[in-house]
Amino acid sequence: MLVRDIWRFRSLLWDLVVQDFRARYAGSVIGVFWNILQPLAQIFIYAVILARVVGSRIPGREGFPDVDDPYALSIYICAGLLPWLTLSETLTRNSLAFLSHSNLIKKVSFPHPILVLYQVISGLITLFIMHALLIIVMIITGHRIPLSIVWLPVLYVLQGLMTYGLGIFLATATAYFRDMLQFVSIVLQVWFWMTPIVYFRELVERIVSFGPLLLLVNPLYYISRAFQILFYENVVYYDFLPQKIIPSQSSFLPTLGILLLCGLVFSTLGNLFYLKLKKELPDQI
């Protein structure tokens, strides 16, 4: 989808985003406030229960000192888990984007990829809410927020670009192959456990001979890694690492470069796949 299409139908796009937030909790007592309470529950589980009840700790890692922070593991998991939850939910919804709006596609002339894009934007807004709550929790638990947090909007754009590319492909494919949704569900589960989100990447490199290659070709690894640098390494090791706007450790800028490349490739291929099949799309749904 071209930028001019987004600008031309910007009012429709925003209306769909607003309607999406309202429709999710239509008829509930507190309505859109569930967008805050549900992420808050996720953060509470990992940042409080895991740290205090389970008492998990992080051992010393190469290049980093031992950690005596009882919330370190919780912060690490939240840093990678929250963007994953957003991506996973959005891709699942994207799979049905065209099927669930079949009447709109058949009756109204507009760029169909907007139906995917508004769900991506809605998911990123939810991710922003979750991160805002996470930052509040980190401050309450005595942590300091690094200067590098200003990179968050960039990460949102890069994740959104990649999600859109995968989403437009899935929305188109599901219109032709109804079993795609079940396939996506299985792939997402496998993808999650192949990515160091609830464990450290050293574990993959140690127990799997081709572990480094596995991480190298995993786009989700770069997403989770970028967020872990900002929310985990630069928070837990705040006094150990130099506090700069551009993180100097863990190849942060190259990670962003790879994310941008993945986003451009996925969005280009996804759009080409949609354009190839768009003429027959109304008949398929």
C-alpha atoms as a PDB file:
ATOM      1  CA  MET A   1       0.000   0.000   0.000  1.00  0.00           C
ATOM      2  CA  LEU A   2       1.385   3.361  -1.006  1.00  0.00           C
ATOM      3  CA  VAL A   3       1.814   6.253   1.407  1.00  0.00           C
ATOM      4  CA  ARG A   4      -0.572   8.376  -0.672  1.00  0.00           C
ATOM      5  CA  ASP A   5      -3.318   5.782  -0.137  1.00  0.00           C
ATOM      6  CA  ILE A   6      -2.794   5.988   3.613  1.00  0.00           C
ATOM      7  CA  TRP A   7      -2.979   9.786   3.502  1.00  0.00           C
ATOM      8  CA  ARG A   8      -6.031   9.802   1.245  1.00  0.00           C
ATOM      9  CA  PHE A   9      -7.959   7.430   3.504  1.00  0.00           C
ATOM     10  CA  ARG A  10      -6.484   8.649   6.785  1.00  0.00           C
ATOM     11  CA  SER A  11      -9.919   9.500   8.200  1.00  0.00           C
ATOM     12  CA  LEU A  12     -11.196   5.996   7.472  1.00  0.00           C
ATOM     13  CA  LEU A  13      -8.039   4.507   8.954  1.00  0.00           C
ATOM     14  CA  TRP A  14      -8.380   6.461  12.185  1.00  0.00           C
ATOM     15  CA  ASP A  15     -12.119   5.720  12.425  1.00  0.00           C
ATOM     16  CA  LEU A  16     -11.355   2.008  12.127  1.00  0.00           C
ATOM     17  CA  VAL A  17      -8.734   2.231  14.891  1.00  0.00           C
ATOM     18  CA  VAL A  18     -11.149   4.051  17.228  1.00  0.00           C
ATOM     19  CA  GLN A  19     -13.987   1.687  16.361  1.00  0.00           C
ATOM     20  CA  ASP A  20     -11.708  -1.285  17.014  1.00  0.00           C
ATOM     21  CA  PHE A  21     -10.969  -0.128  20.547  1.00  0.00           C
ATOM     22  CA  ARG A  22     -14.645   0.455  21.252  1.00  0.00           C
ATOM     23  CA  ALA A  23     -15.860  -2.780  19.665  1.00  0.00           C
ATOM     24  CA  ARG A  24     -13.497  -4.982  21.675  1.00  0.00           C
ATOM     25  CA  TYR A  25     -15.257  -4.148  24.918  1.00  0.00           C
ATOM     26  CA  ALA A  26     -18.692  -3.080  23.734  1.00  0.00           C
ATOM     27  CA  GLY A  27     -21.269  -3.723  26.453  1.00  0.00           C
ATOM     28  CA  SER A  28     -18.709  -4.079  29.242  1.00  0.00           C
ATOM     29  CA  VAL A  29     -18.988  -1.897  32.327  1.00  0.00           C
ATOM     30  CA  ILE A  30     -15.603  -0.173  32.110  1.00  0.00           C
ATOM     31  CA  GLY A  31     -15.212  -0.339  28.332  1.00  0.00           C
ATOM     32  CA  VAL A  32     -11.871   0.729  26.879  1.00  0.00           C
ATOM     33  CA  PHE A  33     -10.253   0.727  30.335  1.00  0.00           C
ATOM     34  CA  TRP A  34      -9.745  -3.007  29.776  1.00  0.00           C
ATOM     35  CA  ASN A  35      -6.931  -1.881  27.467  1.00  0.00           C
ATOM     36  CA  ILE A  36      -5.157  -0.748  30.632  1.00  0.00           C
ATOM     37  CA  LEU A  37      -6.238  -3.424  33.100  1.00  0.00           C
ATOM     38  CA  GLN A  38      -5.307  -6.409  30.948  1.00  0.00           C
ATOM     39  CA  PRO A  39      -1.729  -5.235  30.247  1.00  0.00           C
ATOM     40  CA  LEU A  40      -1.409  -4.239  33.900  1.00  0.00           C
ATOM     41  CA  ALA A  41      -2.322  -7.789  34.905  1.00  0.00           C
ATOM     42  CA  GLN A  42       0.370  -9.186  32.592  1.00  0.00           C
ATOM     43  CA  ILE A  43       2.988  -6.863  34.061  1.00  0.00           C
ATOM     44  CA  PHE A  44       1.894  -7.660  37.620  1.00  0.00           C
ATOM     45  CA  ILE A  45       2.250 -11.392  37.013  1.00  0.00           C
ATOM     46  CA  TYR A  46       5.783 -11.145  35.664  1.00  0.00           C
ATOM     47  CA  ALA A  47       7.103  -8.148  37.598  1.00  0.00           C
ATOM     48  CA  VAL A  48       5.730  -8.991  41.038  1.00  0.00           C
ATOM     49  CA  ILE A  49       4.672 -12.635  41.335  1.00  0.00           C
ATOM     50  CA  LEU A  50       7.632 -14.057  39.415  1.00  0.00           C
ATOM     51  CA  ALA A  51      10.103 -11.896  41.320  1.00  0.00           C
ATOM     52  CA  ARG A  52       8.681 -12.157  44.827  1.00  0.00           C
ATOM     53  CA  VAL A  53       6.928 -15.522  44.950  1.00  0.00           C
ATOM     54  CA  VAL A  54       9.125 -17.619  42.677  1.00  0.00           C
ATOM     55  CA  GLY A  55      12.210 -15.657  43.673  1.00  0.00           C
ATOM     56  CA  SER A  56      13.954 -16.059  40.339  1.00  0.00           C
ATOM     57  CA  ARG A  57      17.385 -14.523  39.888  1.00  0.00           C
ATOM     58  CA  ILE A  58      19.710 -13.877  36.979  1.00  0.00           C
ATOM     59  CA  PRO A  59      23.243 -15.274  37.162  1.00  0.00           C
ATOM     60  CA  GLY A  60      26.214 -13.271  35.941  1.00  0.00           C
ATOM     61  CA  ARG A  61      26.591 -13.112  32.169  1.00  0.00           C
ATOM     62  CA  GLU A  62      29.562 -12.519  29.927  1.00  0.00           C
ATOM     63  CA  GLY A  63      30.378  -8.807  29.907  1.00  0.00           C
ATOM     64  CA  PHE A  64      27.949  -8.035  32.719  1.00  0.00           C
ATOM     65  CA  PRO A  65      28.350  -8.266  36.503  1.00  0.00           C
ATOM     66  CA  ASP A  66      26.241 -10.453  38.778  1.00  0.00           C
ATOM     67  CA  VAL A  67      22.725  -9.151  39.322  1.00  0.00           C
ATOM     68  CA  ASP A  68      21.256  -8.825  42.798  1.00  0.00           C
ATOM     69  CA  ASP A  69      18.086  -7.157  41.545  1.00  0.00           C
ATOM     70  CA  PRO A  70      15.027  -9.276  42.503  1.00  0.00           C
ATOM     71  CA  TYR A  71      13.104  -7.805  39.567  1.00  0.00           C
ATOM     72  CA  ALA A  72      15.784  -8.331  36.919  1.00  0.00           C
ATOM     73  CA  LEU A  73      14.329 -11.515  35.439  1.00  0.00           C
ATOM     74  CA  SER A  74      10.830 -10.049  35.459  1.00  0.00           C
ATOM     75  CA  ILE A  75      12.028  -6.972  33.572  1.00  0.00           C
ATOM     76  CA  TYR A  76      13.895  -9.145  31.073  1.00  0.00           C
ATOM     77  CA  ILE A  77      10.823 -11.278  30.377  1.00  0.00           C
ATOM     78  CA  CYS A  78       8.474  -8.294  30.126  1.00  0.00           C
ATOM     79  CA  ALA A  79      10.872  -6.540  27.727  1.00  0.00           C
ATOM     80  CA  GLY A  80      10.608  -9.374  25.201  1.00  0.00           C
ATOM     81  CA  LEU A  81       7.140 -10.666  26.031  1.00  0.00           C
ATOM     82  CA  LEU A  82       5.093  -7.475  25.604  1.00  0.00           C
ATOM     83  CA  PRO A  83       6.058  -6.855  21.947  1.00  0.00           C
ATOM     84  CA  TRP A  84       5.558 -10.568  21.290  1.00  0.00           C
ATOM     85  CA  LEU A  85       2.017 -10.480  22.736  1.00  0.00           C
ATOM     86  CA  THR A  86       1.220  -7.540  20.476  1.00  0.00           C
ATOM     87  CA  LEU A  87       2.703  -9.136  17.377  1.00  0.00           C
ATOM     88  CA  SER A  88       1.070 -12.510  18.017  1.00  0.00           C
ATOM     89  CA  GLU A  89      -2.398 -11.075  18.638  1.00  0.00           C
ATOM     90  CA  THR A  90      -2.161  -8.726  15.659  1.00  0.00           C
ATOM     91  CA  LEU A  91      -1.079 -11.444  13.234  1.00  0.00           C
ATOM     92  CA  THR A  92      -3.897 -13.701  14.432  1.00  0.00           C
ATOM     93  CA  ARG A  93      -6.394 -10.902  13.818  1.00  0.00           C
ATOM     94  CA  ASN A  94      -4.765 -10.005  10.500  1.00  0.00           C
ATOM     95  CA  SER A  95      -5.395 -13.540   9.284  1.00  0.00           C
ATOM     96  CA  LEU A  96      -9.133 -12.790   9.343  1.00  0.00           C
ATOM     97  CA  ALA A  97      -8.905  -9.129   8.315  1.00  0.00           C
ATOM     98  CA  PHE A  98     -10.424  -9.642   4.852  1.00  0.00           C
ATOM     99  CA  LEU A  99     -12.848 -12.415   5.772  1.00  0.00           C
ATOM    100  CA  SER A 100     -14.334 -10.521   8.709  1.00  0.00           C
ATOM    101  CA  HIS A 101     -14.836  -7.400   6.546  1.00  0.00           C
ATOM    102  CA  SER A 102     -16.152  -9.185   3.450  1.00  0.00           C
ATOM    103  CA  ASN A 103     -19.273  -7.005   3.188  1.00  0.00           C
ATOM    104  CA  LEU A 104     -17.164  -3.842   3.294  1.00  0.00           C
ATOM    105  CA  ILE A 105     -14.780  -5.138   0.624  1.00  0.00           C
ATOM    106  CA  LYS A 106     -17.615  -6.115  -1.717  1.00  0.00           C
ATOM    107  CA  LYS A 107     -19.588  -2.877  -1.378  1.00  0.00           C
ATOM    108  CA  VAL A 108     -17.057  -0.069  -0.888  1.00  0.00           C
ATOM    109  CA  SER A 109     -14.083   0.948  -3.025  1.00  0.00           C
ATOM    110  CA  PHE A 110     -11.026   1.577  -0.860  1.00  0.00           C
ATOM    111  CA  PRO A 111      -7.507   0.107  -0.468  1.00  0.00           C
ATOM    112  CA  HIS A 112      -8.074  -3.221   1.281  1.00  0.00           C
ATOM    113  CA  PRO A 113      -4.701  -3.212   3.102  1.00  0.00           C
ATOM    114  CA  ILE A 114      -6.147  -0.519   5.393  1.00  0.00           C
ATOM    115  CA  LEU A 115      -8.057  -3.357   7.067  1.00  0.00           C
ATOM    116  CA  VAL A 116      -4.707  -4.855   8.029  1.00  0.00           C
ATOM    117  CA  LEU A 117      -3.002  -1.569   8.830  1.00  0.00           C
ATOM    118  CA  TYR A 118      -5.619  -0.367  11.319  1.00  0.00           C
ATOM    119  CA  GLN A 119      -5.214  -3.571  13.327  1.00  0.00           C
ATOM    120  CA  VAL A 120      -1.441  -3.088  13.334  1.00  0.00           C
ATOM    121  CA  ILE A 121      -1.842   0.480  14.612  1.00  0.00           C
ATOM    122  CA  SER A 122      -4.347  -0.650  17.228  1.00  0.00           C
ATOM    123  CA  GLY A 123      -1.885  -3.273  18.445  1.00  0.00           C
ATOM    124  CA  LEU A 124       0.953  -0.746  18.661  1.00  0.00           C
ATOM    125  CA  ILE A 125      -1.220   1.608  20.718  1.00  0.00           C
ATOM    126  CA  THR A 126      -1.847  -1.268  23.109  1.00  0.00           C
ATOM    127  CA  LEU A 127       1.897  -1.928  23.223  1.00  0.00           C
ATOM    128  CA  PHE A 128       2.503   1.735  24.061  1.00  0.00           C
ATOM    129  CA  ILE A 129       0.028   1.464  26.953  1.00  0.00           C
ATOM    130  CA  MET A 130       1.763  -1.672  28.230  1.00  0.00           C
ATOM    131  CA  HIS A 131       5.178  -0.024  28.040  1.00  0.00           C
ATOM    132  CA  ALA A 132       3.915   3.064  29.850  1.00  0.00           C
ATOM    133  CA  LEU A 133       2.656   0.828  32.657  1.00  0.00           C
ATOM    134  CA  LEU A 134       5.917  -1.136  32.677  1.00  0.00           C
ATOM    135  CA  ILE A 135       7.913   2.068  33.042  1.00  0.00           C
ATOM    136  CA  ILE A 136       5.712   3.116  35.970  1.00  0.00           C
ATOM    137  CA  VAL A 137       6.248  -0.274  37.623  1.00  0.00           C
ATOM    138  CA  MET A 138      10.015  -0.043  37.096  1.00  0.00           C
ATOM    139  CA  ILE A 139      10.115   3.415  38.687  1.00  0.00           C
ATOM    140  CA  ILE A 140       8.015   2.237  41.637  1.00  0.00           C
ATOM    141  CA  THR A 141      10.396  -0.695  42.168  1.00  0.00           C
ATOM    142  CA  GLY A 142      13.356   1.693  42.354  1.00  0.00           C
ATOM    143  CA  HIS A 143      14.768   1.549  38.827  1.00  0.00           C
ATOM    144  CA  ARG A 144      15.941   4.437  36.701  1.00  0.00           C
ATOM    145  CA  ILE A 145      14.874   4.942  33.102  1.00  0.00           C
ATOM    146  CA  PRO A 146      17.745   5.360  30.594  1.00  0.00           C
ATOM    147  CA  LEU A 147      18.076   8.096  27.985  1.00  0.00           C
ATOM    148  CA  SER A 148      17.899   5.462  25.263  1.00  0.00           C
ATOM    149  CA  ILE A 149      14.176   5.053  25.944  1.00  0.00           C
ATOM    150  CA  VAL A 150      13.673   7.752  23.279  1.00  0.00           C
ATOM    151  CA  TRP A 151      14.190   4.985  20.688  1.00  0.00           C
ATOM    152  CA  LEU A 152      10.838   3.401  21.545  1.00  0.00           C
ATOM    153  CA  PRO A 153       8.875   5.150  18.733  1.00  0.00           C
ATOM    154  CA  VAL A 154      11.450   3.890  16.232  1.00  0.00           C
ATOM    155  CA  LEU A 155      10.993   0.330  17.474  1.00  0.00           C
ATOM    156  CA  TYR A 156       7.216   0.699  17.200  1.00  0.00           C
ATOM    157  CA  VAL A 157       7.521   1.766  13.563  1.00  0.00           C
ATOM    158  CA  LEU A 158       9.898  -1.092  12.725  1.00  0.00           C
ATOM    159  CA  GLN A 159       7.721  -3.688  14.447  1.00  0.00           C
ATOM    160  CA  GLY A 160       4.655  -2.225  12.757  1.00  0.00           C
ATOM    161  CA  LEU A 161       6.298  -2.401   9.344  1.00  0.00           C
ATOM    162  CA  MET A 162       7.201  -6.048   9.819  1.00  0.00           C
ATOM    163  CA  THR A 163       3.791  -6.922  11.269  1.00  0.00           C
ATOM    164  CA  TYR A 164       2.013  -5.229   8.373  1.00  0.00           C
ATOM    165  CA  GLY A 165       4.039  -7.183   5.817  1.00  0.00           C
ATOM    166  CA  LEU A 166       3.272 -10.505   7.460  1.00  0.00           C
ATOM    167  CA  GLY A 167      -0.321  -9.440   8.121  1.00  0.00           C
ATOM    168  CA  ILE A 168      -1.198  -8.501   4.541  1.00  0.00           C
ATOM    169  CA  PHE A 169       0.217 -11.831   3.383  1.00  0.00           C
ATOM    170  CA  LEU A 170      -1.818 -13.781   5.957  1.00  0.00           C
ATOM    171  CA  ALA A 171      -5.022 -11.837   5.272  1.00  0.00           C
ATOM    172  CA  THR A 172      -4.740 -12.571   1.553  1.00  0.00           C
ATOM    173  CA  ALA A 173      -3.702 -16.199   2.009  1.00  0.00           C
ATOM    174  CA  THR A 174      -6.540 -16.922   4.448  1.00  0.00           C
ATOM    175  CA  ALA A 175      -9.082 -15.646   1.912  1.00  0.00           C
ATOM    176  CA  TYR A 176      -7.963 -18.483  -0.384  1.00  0.00           C
ATOM    177  CA  PHE A 177      -6.957 -21.110   2.170  1.00  0.00           C
ATOM    178  CA  ARG A 178      -9.238 -21.262   5.217  1.00  0.00           C
ATOM    179  CA  ASP A 179      -6.855 -23.559   7.105  1.00  0.00           C
ATOM    180  CA  MET A 180      -4.291 -20.758   7.287  1.00  0.00           C
ATOM    181  CA  LEU A 181      -5.543 -19.564  10.693  1.00  0.00           C
ATOM    182  CA  GLN A 182      -4.859 -22.926  12.338  1.00  0.00           C
ATOM    183  CA  PHE A 183      -1.477 -23.067  10.637  1.00  0.00           C
ATOM    184  CA  VAL A 184      -0.608 -19.585  11.909  1.00  0.00           C
ATOM    185  CA  SER A 185      -1.536 -20.586  15.459  1.00  0.00           C
ATOM    186  CA  ILE A 186       0.926 -23.483  15.375  1.00  0.00           C
ATOM    187  CA  VAL A 187       3.685 -21.430  13.771  1.00  0.00           C
ATOM    188  CA  LEU A 188       3.318 -18.664  16.365  1.00  0.00           C
ATOM    189  CA  GLN A 189       3.705 -21.156  19.211  1.00  0.00           C
ATOM    190  CA  VAL A 190       6.846 -22.659  17.692  1.00  0.00           C
ATOM    191  CA  TRP A 191       8.191 -19.200  16.850  1.00  0.00           C
ATOM    192  CA  PHE A 192       7.768 -18.055  20.435  1.00  0.00           C
ATOM    193  CA  TRP A 193       9.791 -20.899  21.919  1.00  0.00           C
ATOM    194  CA  MET A 194      12.479 -20.565  19.255  1.00  0.00           C
ATOM    195  CA  THR A 195      13.069 -16.986  20.417  1.00  0.00           C
ATOM    196  CA  PRO A 196      14.928 -16.070  23.642  1.00  0.00           C
ATOM    197  CA  ILE A 197      12.084 -14.257  25.380  1.00  0.00           C
ATOM    198  CA  VAL A 198      11.634 -16.254  28.589  1.00  0.00           C
ATOM    199  CA  TYR A 199      15.221 -17.552  28.472  1.00  0.00           C
ATOM    200  CA  PHE A 200      18.594 -16.093  27.450  1.00  0.00           C
ATOM    201  CA  ARG A 201      20.102 -16.462  23.999  1.00  0.00           C
ATOM    202  CA  GLU A 202      23.168 -18.160  25.510  1.00  0.00           C
ATOM    203  CA  LEU A 203      20.952 -21.174  26.183  1.00  0.00           C
ATOM    204  CA  VAL A 204      20.201 -21.596  22.478  1.00  0.00           C
ATOM    205  CA  GLU A 205      23.845 -21.214  21.562  1.00  0.00           C
ATOM    206  CA  ARG A 206      24.858 -23.781  24.180  1.00  0.00           C
ATOM    207  CA  ILE A 207      22.332 -26.602  23.686  1.00  0.00           C
ATOM    208  CA  VAL A 208      21.841 -26.370  19.904  1.00  0.00           C
ATOM    209  CA  SER A 209      24.823 -26.737  17.591  1.00  0.00           C
ATOM    210  CA  PHE A 210      23.283 -24.416  14.991  1.00  0.00           C
ATOM    211  CA  GLY A 211      21.933 -22.057  17.662  1.00  0.00           C
ATOM    212  CA  PRO A 212      23.722 -18.912  16.387  1.00  0.00           C
ATOM    213  CA  LEU A 213      22.387 -19.535  12.869  1.00  0.00           C
ATOM    214  CA  LEU A 214      18.908 -20.100  14.291  1.00  0.00           C
ATOM    215  CA  LEU A 215      19.000 -16.692  15.954  1.00  0.00           C
ATOM    216  CA  LEU A 216      20.537 -15.035  12.915  1.00  0.00           C
ATOM    217  CA  VAL A 217      17.587 -15.915  10.661  1.00  0.00           C
ATOM    218  CA  ASN A 218      14.884 -15.245  13.277  1.00  0.00           C
ATOM    219  CA  PRO A 219      13.296 -11.771  12.771  1.00  0.00           C
ATOM    220  CA  LEU A 220      11.501 -11.987  16.116  1.00  0.00           C
ATOM    221  CA  TYR A 221      14.859 -12.312  17.855  1.00  0.00           C
ATOM    222  CA  TYR A 222      15.861  -8.860  16.652  1.00  0.00           C
ATOM    223  CA  ILE A 223      12.554  -7.367  17.807  1.00  0.00           C
ATOM    224  CA  SER A 224      12.785  -8.854  21.287  1.00  0.00           C
ATOM    225  CA  ARG A 225      16.509  -8.103  21.478  1.00  0.00           C
ATOM    226  CA  ALA A 226      16.035  -4.411  20.691  1.00  0.00           C
ATOM    227  CA  PHE A 227      13.397  -4.024  23.389  1.00  0.00           C
ATOM    228  CA  GLN A 228      15.487  -6.038  25.862  1.00  0.00           C
ATOM    229  CA  ILE A 229      18.408  -3.676  25.356  1.00  0.00           C
ATOM    230  CA  LEU A 230      16.251  -0.660  26.216  1.00  0.00           C
ATOM    231  CA  PHE A 231      14.138  -2.119  29.008  1.00  0.00           C
ATOM    232  CA  TYR A 232      16.478  -4.691  30.517  1.00  0.00           C
ATOM    233  CA  GLU A 233      20.168  -4.017  29.967  1.00  0.00           C
ATOM    234  CA  ASN A 234      19.945  -0.237  30.219  1.00  0.00           C
ATOM    235  CA  VAL A 235      17.659  -0.427  33.269  1.00  0.00           C
ATOM    236  CA  VAL A 236      19.037  -3.303  35.338  1.00  0.00           C
ATOM    237  CA  TYR A 237      22.650  -2.344  34.535  1.00  0.00           C
ATOM    238  CA  TYR A 238      21.980   1.401  34.666  1.00  0.00           C
ATOM    239  CA  ASP A 239      24.997   2.104  36.901  1.00  0.00           C
ATOM    240  CA  PHE A 240      27.258  -0.281  34.992  1.00  0.00           C
ATOM    241  CA  LEU A 241      26.689   0.859  31.414  1.00  0.00           C
ATOM    242  CA  PRO A 242      27.423   4.335  30.015  1.00  0.00           C
ATOM    243  CA  GLN A 243      24.143   6.195  29.731  1.00  0.00           C
ATOM    244  CA  LYS A 244      23.884   7.452  26.169  1.00  0.00           C
ATOM    245  CA  ILE A 245      20.970   8.184  23.885  1.00  0.00           C
ATOM    246  CA  ILE A 246      22.352   5.573  21.474  1.00  0.00           C
ATOM    247  CA  PRO A 247      23.119   2.371  23.428  1.00  0.00           C
ATOM    248  CA  SER A 248      26.727   1.398  22.866  1.00  0.00           C
ATOM    249  CA  GLN A 249      26.325  -2.261  23.784  1.00  0.00           C
ATOM    250  CA  SER A 250      24.937  -5.311  22.001  1.00  0.00           C
ATOM    251  CA  SER A 251      25.076  -3.801  18.476  1.00  0.00           C
ATOM    252  CA  PHE A 252      21.893  -1.790  18.936  1.00  0.00           C
ATOM    253  CA  LEU A 253      22.114   0.186  15.692  1.00  0.00           C
ATOM    254  CA  PRO A 254      22.895  -2.901  13.549  1.00  0.00           C
ATOM    255  CA  THR A 255      19.879  -4.568  15.158  1.00  0.00           C
ATOM    256  CA  LEU A 256      17.712  -1.642  14.073  1.00  0.00           C
ATOM    257  CA  GLY A 257      19.191  -1.895  10.579  1.00  0.00           C
ATOM    258  CA  ILE A 258      18.269  -5.576  10.347  1.00  0.00           C
ATOM    259  CA  LEU A 259      14.755  -4.820  11.609  1.00  0.00           C
ATOM    260  CA  LEU A 260      14.344  -2.120   8.966  1.00  0.00           C
ATOM    261  CA  LEU A 261      15.543  -4.492   6.247  1.00  0.00           C
ATOM    262  CA  CYS A 262      13.159  -7.227   7.445  1.00  0.00           C
ATOM    263  CA  GLY A 263      10.282  -4.760   7.583  1.00  0.00           C
ATOM    264  CA  LEU A 264      10.909  -3.483   4.059  1.00  0.00           C
ATOM    265  CA  VAL A 265      11.301  -6.999   2.649  1.00  0.00           C
ATOM    266  CA  PHE A 266       8.200  -8.368   4.396  1.00  0.00           C
ATOM    267  CA  SER A 267       6.002  -5.374   3.532  1.00  0.00           C
ATOM    268  CA  THR A 268       7.157  -5.415  -0.112  1.00  0.00           C
ATOM    269  CA  LEU A 269       6.605  -9.143  -0.566  1.00  0.00           C
ATOM    270  CA  GLY A 270       3.297  -9.012   1.321  1.00  0.00           C
ATOM    271  CA  ASN A 271       2.024  -6.193  -0.900  1.00  0.00           C
ATOM    272  CA  LEU A 272       3.153  -7.979  -4.064  1.00  0.00           C
ATOM    273  CA  PHE A 273       1.337 -11.137  -2.952  1.00  0.00           C
ATOM    274  CA  TYR A 274      -1.822  -9.117  -2.284  1.00  0.00           C
ATOM    275  CA  LEU A 275      -1.623  -7.249  -5.599  1.00  0.00           C
ATOM    276  CA  LYS A 276      -1.250 -10.511  -7.495  1.00  0.00           C
ATOM    277  CA  LEU A 277      -4.483 -11.898  -6.009  1.00  0.00           C
ATOM    278  CA  LYS A 278      -6.542  -8.759  -5.295  1.00  0.00           C
ATOM    279  CA  LYS A 279      -8.765  -9.008  -8.401  1.00  0.00           C
ATOM    280  CA  GLU A 280     -10.213 -12.321  -7.292  1.00  0.00           C
ATOM    281  CA  LEU A 281     -10.346 -11.392  -3.616  1.00  0.00           C
ATOM    282  CA  PRO A 282     -14.032 -10.282  -3.482  1.00  0.00           C
ATOM    283  CA  ASP A 283     -15.094 -13.569  -5.046  1.00  0.00           C
ATOM    284  CA  GLN A 284     -13.021 -15.634  -2.611  1.00  0.00           C
ATOM    285  CA  ILE A 285     -14.451 -14.100   0.529  1.00  0.00           C
END
